[in-house]
Protein backbone atom coordinates (compact mmCIF):
# COMPACT_ATOMS: atom_id res chain seq x y z
CA MET A 1 10.64 -5.29 -10.37
CA THR A 2 11.79 -6.42 -13.81
CA ASN A 3 9.56 -7.31 -16.88
CA VAL A 4 10.76 -8.82 -20.13
CA ASN A 5 8.57 -9.19 -23.22
CA MET A 6 9.15 -10.73 -26.66
CA ASN A 7 6.61 -11.09 -29.03
CA SER A 8 5.91 -11.39 -33.01
CA ILE A 9 7.96 -14.45 -33.56
CA ASN A 10 6.89 -16.25 -36.67
CA ILE A 11 8.58 -19.64 -37.58
CA LYS A 12 8.27 -21.12 -41.14
CA SER A 13 11.04 -23.66 -41.08
CA ALA A 14 11.28 -26.32 -38.21
CA SER A 15 14.76 -26.89 -39.31
CA LEU A 16 15.79 -23.59 -38.10
CA ILE A 17 14.41 -23.63 -34.68
CA PRO A 18 17.76 -24.35 -33.06
CA LEU A 19 18.84 -20.97 -34.62
CA LEU A 20 15.80 -19.30 -33.20
CA LEU A 21 16.59 -20.60 -29.66
CA LEU A 22 19.98 -19.24 -30.01
CA VAL A 23 18.85 -15.89 -31.04
CA LEU A 24 16.33 -15.84 -28.25
CA ALA A 25 19.08 -16.89 -25.66
CA LEU A 26 21.40 -14.11 -26.86
CA ALA A 27 18.70 -11.54 -26.83
CA TYR A 28 17.61 -12.48 -23.41
CA THR A 29 21.36 -12.35 -22.12
CA GLU A 30 21.62 -8.76 -23.46
CA LEU A 31 18.46 -7.75 -21.60
CA THR A 32 19.49 -9.31 -18.37
CA GLN A 33 22.75 -7.26 -18.58
CA ALA A 34 20.92 -4.21 -19.33
CA ALA A 35 19.00 -4.51 -16.21
CA GLY A 36 22.07 -3.19 -14.39
CA GLN A 37 22.27 -0.19 -16.68
CA LEU A 38 19.40 1.88 -14.86
CA MET A 39 19.81 3.10 -11.51
CA VAL A 40 16.69 4.49 -9.83
CA ALA A 41 16.40 6.42 -6.63
CA PRO A 42 14.48 6.32 -4.45
CA THR A 43 12.94 2.93 -5.06
CA ARG A 44 9.75 4.02 -3.56
CA ILE A 45 7.67 7.23 -3.27
CA ILE A 46 5.10 7.99 -0.74
CA PHE A 47 2.85 10.97 -0.68
CA GLU A 48 1.53 11.72 2.73
CA ALA A 49 -0.33 14.63 4.55
CA ARG A 50 0.35 17.84 2.40
CA ASP A 51 3.02 16.28 0.21
CA ARG A 52 2.29 17.43 -3.45
CA THR A 53 5.54 16.96 -5.22
CA ALA A 54 8.32 14.32 -5.45
CA GLN A 55 11.25 13.36 -7.82
CA VAL A 56 12.95 10.28 -8.86
CA SER A 57 16.57 10.38 -10.26
CA LEU A 58 17.70 8.04 -13.12
CA VAL A 59 21.21 7.26 -13.80
CA ASN A 60 22.61 5.20 -16.78
CA SER A 61 25.43 3.28 -15.20
CA GLY A 62 26.08 1.41 -18.29
CA THR A 63 28.34 1.72 -21.28
CA GLU A 64 25.91 2.62 -24.05
CA THR A 65 23.31 5.22 -24.56
CA GLU A 66 19.91 4.02 -23.60
CA THR A 67 16.38 5.43 -24.19
CA PHE A 68 13.75 4.79 -21.47
CA ARG A 69 9.88 5.36 -21.70
CA LEU A 70 7.89 5.86 -18.53
CA GLU A 71 4.36 4.80 -17.72
CA PHE A 72 2.18 3.74 -14.68
CA VAL A 73 1.15 0.07 -14.33
CA ARG A 74 -1.13 -1.53 -11.78
CA LYS A 75 -0.10 -4.43 -9.95
CA ARG A 76 -1.25 -6.83 -7.40
CA MET A 77 0.90 -8.62 -5.01
CA THR A 78 0.34 -12.25 -4.20
CA GLU A 79 0.75 -13.83 -0.84
CA THR A 80 4.13 -15.10 -1.78
CA GLY A 81 5.39 -11.66 -2.97
CA GLN A 82 5.08 -12.03 -6.65
CA PHE A 83 3.39 -9.37 -8.71
CA LEU A 84 0.61 -9.80 -11.21
CA ASP A 85 -0.90 -7.26 -13.76
CA ILE A 86 -4.33 -6.05 -12.71
CA ASP A 87 -7.06 -6.60 -15.21
CA LYS A 88 -10.00 -6.00 -12.99
CA PRO A 89 -9.48 -4.40 -9.61
CA LEU A 90 -10.57 -6.53 -6.46
CA GLU A 91 -12.49 -4.99 -3.61
CA GLY A 92 -10.17 -2.76 -1.70
CA GLU A 93 -7.62 -2.05 -4.44
CA ARG A 94 -7.11 1.62 -4.95
CA PHE A 95 -4.68 3.29 -7.60
CA SER A 96 -2.73 6.45 -7.39
CA ASP A 97 -1.94 6.82 -11.16
CA GLU A 98 -5.11 8.73 -11.94
CA MET A 99 -4.03 11.55 -9.41
CA ILE A 100 -0.23 11.79 -10.44
CA ARG A 101 1.27 13.67 -13.42
CA PHE A 102 4.93 13.39 -14.21
CA SER A 103 7.52 14.57 -16.69
CA PRO A 104 9.36 13.76 -18.90
CA ARG A 105 7.89 10.56 -20.02
CA GLN A 106 10.68 9.59 -22.06
CA VAL A 107 14.57 10.16 -21.67
CA THR A 108 17.65 9.33 -23.51
CA LEU A 109 20.80 9.00 -21.33
CA PRO A 110 24.48 8.58 -22.38
CA PRO A 111 26.72 6.49 -20.29
CA GLY A 112 27.09 8.10 -16.78
CA GLN A 113 24.27 10.66 -17.25
CA SER A 114 21.27 11.23 -15.02
CA GLN A 115 17.79 12.66 -15.30
CA THR A 116 15.36 13.86 -12.71
CA ILE A 117 11.81 12.86 -13.15
CA ARG A 118 9.27 15.26 -11.33
CA LEU A 119 5.89 14.00 -10.06
CA ILE A 120 3.02 16.13 -9.03
CA LEU A 121 -0.04 15.07 -7.11
CA ARG A 122 -3.43 16.38 -7.63
CA LYS A 123 -6.08 14.73 -5.32
CA LYS A 124 -9.61 14.24 -6.49
CA ALA A 125 -12.39 15.99 -4.60
CA ASN A 126 -14.11 14.04 -1.90
CA LEU A 127 -11.39 11.62 -2.11
CA GLU A 128 -11.92 8.56 0.48
CA ALA A 129 -9.59 8.05 3.18
CA GLY A 130 -7.09 5.17 2.60
CA GLU A 131 -4.09 4.23 0.72
CA TYR A 132 -3.54 4.35 -3.23
CA ARG A 133 -0.88 2.62 -5.10
CA SER A 134 0.43 2.38 -8.67
CA HIS A 135 3.77 1.44 -9.94
CA LEU A 136 5.89 3.73 -12.18
CA LEU A 137 7.54 1.70 -15.06
CA PHE A 138 10.84 2.53 -16.46
CA LYS A 139 11.00 0.57 -19.81
CA THR A 140 13.81 0.39 -22.24
CA ILE A 141 13.26 1.20 -25.92
CA PRO A 142 14.82 -1.50 -27.90
CA LYS A 143 17.53 -0.20 -30.43
CA THR A 144 17.44 -1.00 -34.10
CA SER A 145 20.45 -2.82 -35.25
CA ALA A 146 21.56 -3.51 -38.92
CA SER A 147 22.73 -6.97 -37.73
CA SER A 148 19.31 -7.93 -36.74
CA ILE A 149 17.99 -11.16 -38.26
CA GLU A 150 14.82 -10.49 -40.24
CA SER A 151 14.64 -13.42 -42.47
CA VAL A 152 16.68 -16.44 -43.19
CA GLY A 153 16.19 -18.56 -46.45
CA ASN A 154 17.18 -22.05 -47.31
CA LYS A 155 17.41 -24.15 -50.54
CA ASP A 156 13.91 -25.22 -50.31
CA GLY A 157 12.44 -21.71 -50.56
CA LYS A 158 11.30 -21.91 -46.81
CA ASN A 159 11.71 -18.94 -44.64
CA LEU A 160 12.30 -18.14 -41.09
CA SER A 161 10.85 -14.95 -40.22
CA ILE A 162 11.92 -13.49 -36.86
CA GLU A 163 10.83 -10.14 -35.49
CA LEU A 164 12.12 -9.62 -31.86
CA LYS A 165 10.84 -6.68 -29.78
CA PRO A 166 12.39 -7.14 -26.38
CA SER A 167 11.67 -4.81 -23.49
CA LEU A 168 13.21 -4.73 -20.09
CA GLY A 169 11.28 -2.78 -17.28
CA ILE A 170 12.07 -1.77 -13.74
CA SER A 171 9.08 -0.45 -11.63
CA ILE A 172 8.90 1.39 -8.25
CA PRO A 173 5.68 1.77 -6.15
CA VAL A 174 4.10 5.35 -6.04
CA ILE A 175 1.87 5.40 -2.80
CA VAL A 176 -0.58 8.19 -1.94
CA ARG A 177 -2.05 8.19 1.62
CA HIS A 178 -5.06 10.27 2.17
CA GLY A 179 -6.86 10.96 5.53
CA LYS A 180 -6.29 8.82 8.57
CA THR A 181 -4.37 5.62 7.62
CA ILE A 182 -3.11 3.08 10.20
CA SER A 183 -1.30 -0.20 9.91
CA GLY A 184 -0.24 -3.18 12.33
CA VAL A 185 1.61 -6.36 11.54
CA SER A 186 2.47 -9.57 13.56
CA ILE A 187 4.58 -12.65 12.72
CA ASP A 188 2.74 -15.83 12.86
CA GLY A 189 3.11 -19.47 12.15
CA ILE A 190 6.87 -19.79 12.36
CA LYS A 191 8.21 -23.16 11.34
CA SER A 192 11.78 -24.31 10.68
CA PHE A 193 13.02 -27.33 8.89
CA TYR A 194 15.94 -28.88 6.84
CA ASN A 195 15.34 -29.11 3.09
CA LYS A 196 17.30 -32.18 2.10
CA LYS A 197 16.91 -31.61 -1.62
CA GLN A 198 18.45 -27.97 -1.41
CA LYS A 199 20.66 -29.26 1.61
CA LYS A 200 19.57 -25.96 3.53
CA HIS A 201 17.96 -24.86 6.69
CA ILE A 202 14.59 -22.88 6.12
CA VAL A 203 12.50 -21.00 8.20
CA GLU A 204 8.88 -20.07 7.06
CA PHE A 205 6.33 -17.92 8.50
CA VAL A 206 3.55 -15.27 7.81
CA LEU A 207 3.54 -11.46 7.98
CA ALA A 208 0.06 -10.72 8.99
CA ARG A 209 -1.07 -7.07 8.14
CA ASN A 210 -4.05 -5.17 9.29
CA GLY A 211 -5.35 -1.63 8.80
CA ASN A 212 -5.54 0.34 5.60
CA GLU A 213 -2.02 0.99 5.12
CA SER A 214 0.82 -1.03 3.63
CA VAL A 215 3.90 -1.97 5.75
CA TYR A 216 7.56 -1.98 4.55
CA GLY A 217 10.55 -3.11 6.51
CA ASP A 218 13.58 -5.29 7.16
CA LEU A 219 13.59 -9.09 8.40
CA SER A 220 16.11 -10.54 10.77
CA VAL A 221 16.29 -14.06 12.03
CA ASN A 222 18.25 -14.69 15.24
CA LEU A 223 19.06 -17.68 17.25
CA ILE A 224 19.09 -17.25 20.98
CA LYS A 225 20.80 -20.19 22.86
CA SER A 226 19.75 -21.19 26.30
CA ASN A 227 22.88 -19.35 27.71
CA GLY A 228 21.92 -16.16 26.22
CA THR A 229 24.25 -16.12 23.19
CA THR A 230 22.69 -14.77 20.12
CA TYR A 231 23.47 -15.54 16.50
CA ASN A 232 22.23 -13.90 13.46
CA LEU A 233 21.09 -16.45 10.92
CA ALA A 234 19.70 -14.20 8.10
CA ARG A 235 18.51 -10.89 6.97
CA MET A 236 16.16 -9.84 4.16
CA ASN A 237 15.59 -6.14 3.49
CA GLY A 238 12.71 -4.40 1.80
CA ILE A 239 9.92 -6.49 2.50
CA SER A 240 6.36 -5.26 2.01
CA VAL A 241 2.82 -6.33 2.63
CA TYR A 242 0.77 -4.04 0.25
CA SER A 243 -2.77 -2.96 1.08
CA PRO A 244 -5.42 -4.59 0.68
CA ASN A 245 -3.41 -7.91 1.33
CA SER A 246 -3.75 -9.32 4.81
CA LYS A 247 -0.87 -11.42 4.74
CA ARG A 248 2.55 -12.45 3.01
CA LYS A 249 4.07 -15.82 3.25
CA VAL A 250 7.74 -15.64 3.76
CA GLN A 251 10.61 -18.27 3.38
CA MET A 252 14.14 -17.51 4.47
CA VAL A 253 17.31 -19.57 4.17
CA ILE A 254 18.95 -19.48 7.51
CA TYR A 255 22.99 -20.02 8.10
CA PRO A 256 23.89 -21.38 11.50
CA PRO A 257 27.32 -20.90 12.42
CA LYS A 258 29.64 -23.89 12.48
CA ASN A 259 29.51 -26.32 15.35
CA VAL A 260 26.21 -24.32 16.62
CA SER A 261 23.20 -26.68 16.97
CA LEU A 262 19.66 -25.59 15.92
CA LYS A 263 18.12 -28.41 18.12
CA GLN A 264 18.02 -26.16 21.19
CA GLY A 265 17.45 -22.61 21.69
CA LYS A 266 14.79 -20.29 20.36
CA LEU A 267 14.35 -18.67 16.88
CA VAL A 268 13.52 -14.98 16.90
CA ILE A 269 12.29 -13.03 14.01
CA VAL A 270 12.17 -9.24 13.87
CA TYR A 271 10.50 -7.03 11.43
CA SER A 272 11.53 -3.41 11.65
CA LYS A 273 11.43 -0.26 9.62
CA PRO A 274 14.55 0.43 7.49
CA ALA A 275 17.35 2.15 9.18
CA ASP A 276 16.88 5.44 7.17
CA ALA A 277 13.33 5.57 8.53
CA GLY A 278 14.42 4.96 12.30
CA GLY A 279 14.58 1.16 12.38
CA ALA A 280 11.74 0.93 14.98
CA ILE A 281 10.46 -2.73 15.59
CA MET A 282 7.08 -3.20 13.99
CA ALA A 283 6.65 -7.04 15.00
CA LYS A 284 8.46 -9.71 16.81
CA GLY A 285 7.88 -13.52 16.89
CA SER A 286 9.67 -16.49 18.24
CA SER A 287 9.62 -20.15 18.24
CA ASP A 288 11.25 -22.75 20.33
CA LEU A 289 13.55 -25.24 18.70
């Protein structure tokens, strides 16, 4: 997940708005490029059973020294997979940040250097069974540059005052499972169609989750022809349905091989655990074409 924030922009000269837009465009480009400078592993942390410690490795893969500040944030996933900041928790939303301490909270990494972040879990007494989730955010601290534009004057004495405070963040989920947690998932409502505007074949469906535990896995869409020949049409890895959400709507572009018709046969969608977690199938759904 990436967050970009710019604030404190004060314009006092309309004639200089094009210059402001140019500055913003350049700043946004720099931030977008900076997103690839931080490598985080693993991309999710789960505390289960007697787990009490974990660690995350940060690597600066860029060409400049970068400083990152770490903090917990609370996020809600929508039915389409987007993340929203949480102001007021909804029923069933539980958070892990109150139980976890981590160190260090700020790191400065030269190019090619790494840093290990250590996390310690301390569960509360009488903790209710279930799953708790917060997101650990790694946020860049903007550099101060002598070439920054602070004010621009013109002949009329009007000023353009600009203060840019860009921040780029990448976050990973930190999940705590306590007591008995279970989950189940099914694939429902499969539909396929051709989007004339995009000129692409689309398949859409719903991942329906139940239980008190999130699910996480990889999706595969296959075409099985009447003669038994199977074609893989699409893959999408790292798809979650977070508790307490009961469903996630998924849309995937499918790519049929040349000279292979989608008018006859069967679409089979498989949702399985990642390969490094065993690859077991969690759900399967099909639809006749």
